Amino acid sequence: MLGITLEETRFYQEAKAEGLEQGRKQGLEQGRKQREAELLPVIVPLLLKSGMSVEEIAQQFNVAVESVEKYR
């Protein structure tokens, strides 16, 4: 009709970019949760034995104190 495809419209491009950004954010959050689930149970006891406090560990790993306390 106008000689353009759906993929060439601004609406399509903006919707696609928004979808990609949402997917990236979800992927990062999933990765963070997986890293936390795998790493904290192993590393927290070791760091506590070395003298670090729960608060210091939480701060270093950028997680909630409650997340660290689970593995105390």
C-alpha atoms as a PDB file:
ATOM      1  CA  MET A   1       0.000   0.000   0.000  1.00  0.00           C
ATOM      2  CA  LEU A   2       2.551   2.609   1.089  1.00  0.00           C
ATOM      3  CA  GLY A   3       5.538   0.593   0.010  1.00  0.00           C
ATOM      4  CA  ILE A   4       6.871  -0.112   3.544  1.00  0.00           C
ATOM      5  CA  THR A   5       6.842  -3.251   5.599  1.00  0.00           C
ATOM      6  CA  LEU A   6       5.791  -3.583   9.213  1.00  0.00           C
ATOM      7  CA  GLU A   7       9.429  -4.035  10.210  1.00  0.00           C
ATOM      8  CA  GLU A   8      10.252  -0.611   8.764  1.00  0.00           C
ATOM      9  CA  THR A   9       7.754   1.306  10.923  1.00  0.00           C
ATOM     10  CA  ARG A  10       8.848   3.321  13.936  1.00  0.00           C
ATOM     11  CA  PHE A  11       6.226   1.600  16.090  1.00  0.00           C
ATOM     12  CA  TYR A  12       7.669  -1.817  15.262  1.00  0.00           C
ATOM     13  CA  GLN A  13      11.244  -0.680  15.897  1.00  0.00           C
ATOM     14  CA  GLU A  14      10.338   0.862  19.284  1.00  0.00           C
ATOM     15  CA  ALA A  15       8.345  -2.205  20.359  1.00  0.00           C
ATOM     16  CA  LYS A  16      11.200  -4.485  19.326  1.00  0.00           C
ATOM     17  CA  ALA A  17      13.765  -2.391  21.238  1.00  0.00           C
ATOM     18  CA  GLU A  18      11.536  -2.374  24.317  1.00  0.00           C
ATOM     19  CA  GLY A  19      11.104  -6.151  24.143  1.00  0.00           C
ATOM     20  CA  LEU A  20      14.844  -6.674  23.818  1.00  0.00           C
ATOM     21  CA  GLU A  21      15.519  -4.423  26.829  1.00  0.00           C
ATOM     22  CA  GLN A  22      12.951  -6.268  28.945  1.00  0.00           C
ATOM     23  CA  GLY A  23      14.469  -9.597  27.934  1.00  0.00           C
ATOM     24  CA  ARG A  24      17.943  -8.361  28.835  1.00  0.00           C
ATOM     25  CA  LYS A  25      16.781  -7.204  32.263  1.00  0.00           C
ATOM     26  CA  GLN A  26      15.063 -10.531  32.920  1.00  0.00           C
ATOM     27  CA  GLY A  27      18.172 -12.412  31.853  1.00  0.00           C
ATOM     28  CA  LEU A  28      20.386 -10.361  34.143  1.00  0.00           C
ATOM     29  CA  GLU A  29      18.044 -10.921  37.075  1.00  0.00           C
ATOM     30  CA  GLN A  30      17.933 -14.673  36.429  1.00  0.00           C
ATOM     31  CA  GLY A  31      21.715 -14.766  36.233  1.00  0.00           C
ATOM     32  CA  ARG A  32      22.048 -12.854  39.496  1.00  0.00           C
ATOM     33  CA  LYS A  33      19.679 -15.222  41.268  1.00  0.00           C
ATOM     34  CA  GLN A  34      21.470 -18.268  39.885  1.00  0.00           C
ATOM     35  CA  ARG A  35      24.880 -16.887  40.891  1.00  0.00           C
ATOM     36  CA  GLU A  36      23.574 -16.155  44.365  1.00  0.00           C
ATOM     37  CA  ALA A  37      22.084 -19.647  44.721  1.00  0.00           C
ATOM     38  CA  GLU A  38      25.296 -21.343  43.602  1.00  0.00           C
ATOM     39  CA  LEU A  39      27.932 -19.116  45.161  1.00  0.00           C
ATOM     40  CA  LEU A  40      26.604 -18.032  48.542  1.00  0.00           C
ATOM     41  CA  PRO A  41      26.207 -21.502  50.106  1.00  0.00           C
ATOM     42  CA  VAL A  42      29.858 -22.224  49.371  1.00  0.00           C
ATOM     43  CA  ILE A  43      31.531 -18.880  49.991  1.00  0.00           C
ATOM     44  CA  VAL A  44      29.621 -17.505  53.006  1.00  0.00           C
ATOM     45  CA  PRO A  45      30.870 -20.112  55.524  1.00  0.00           C
ATOM     46  CA  LEU A  46      34.438 -19.616  54.290  1.00  0.00           C
ATOM     47  CA  LEU A  47      34.263 -15.850  54.580  1.00  0.00           C
ATOM     48  CA  LEU A  48      32.687 -16.037  58.029  1.00  0.00           C
ATOM     49  CA  LYS A  49      35.524 -18.320  59.170  1.00  0.00           C
ATOM     50  CA  SER A  50      38.025 -15.807  57.842  1.00  0.00           C
ATOM     51  CA  GLY A  51      36.512 -13.122  60.055  1.00  0.00           C
ATOM     52  CA  MET A  52      34.206 -11.193  57.738  1.00  0.00           C
ATOM     53  CA  SER A  53      30.883 -10.118  59.159  1.00  0.00           C
ATOM     54  CA  VAL A  54      27.521 -10.962  57.611  1.00  0.00           C
ATOM     55  CA  GLU A  55      27.052  -7.290  56.757  1.00  0.00           C
ATOM     56  CA  GLU A  56      30.440  -7.083  55.026  1.00  0.00           C
ATOM     57  CA  ILE A  57      29.710 -10.170  52.957  1.00  0.00           C
ATOM     58  CA  ALA A  58      26.285  -8.847  51.965  1.00  0.00           C
ATOM     59  CA  GLN A  59      27.820  -5.546  50.953  1.00  0.00           C
ATOM     60  CA  GLN A  60      30.607  -7.160  48.919  1.00  0.00           C
ATOM     61  CA  PHE A  61      28.180  -9.384  47.011  1.00  0.00           C
ATOM     62  CA  ASN A  62      25.478  -6.709  46.792  1.00  0.00           C
ATOM     63  CA  VAL A  63      22.828  -8.951  48.345  1.00  0.00           C
ATOM     64  CA  ALA A  64      20.514  -8.609  51.306  1.00  0.00           C
ATOM     65  CA  VAL A  65      21.829  -9.476  54.758  1.00  0.00           C
ATOM     66  CA  GLU A  66      19.033 -12.059  55.002  1.00  0.00           C
ATOM     67  CA  SER A  67      20.444 -13.855  51.946  1.00  0.00           C
ATOM     68  CA  VAL A  68      23.802 -14.204  53.675  1.00  0.00           C
ATOM     69  CA  GLU A  69      22.297 -15.201  57.018  1.00  0.00           C
ATOM     70  CA  LYS A  70      20.645 -18.239  55.396  1.00  0.00           C
ATOM     71  CA  TYR A  71      24.083 -19.800  54.940  1.00  0.00           C
ATOM     72  CA  ARG A  72      25.522 -18.926  58.333  1.00  0.00           C
END
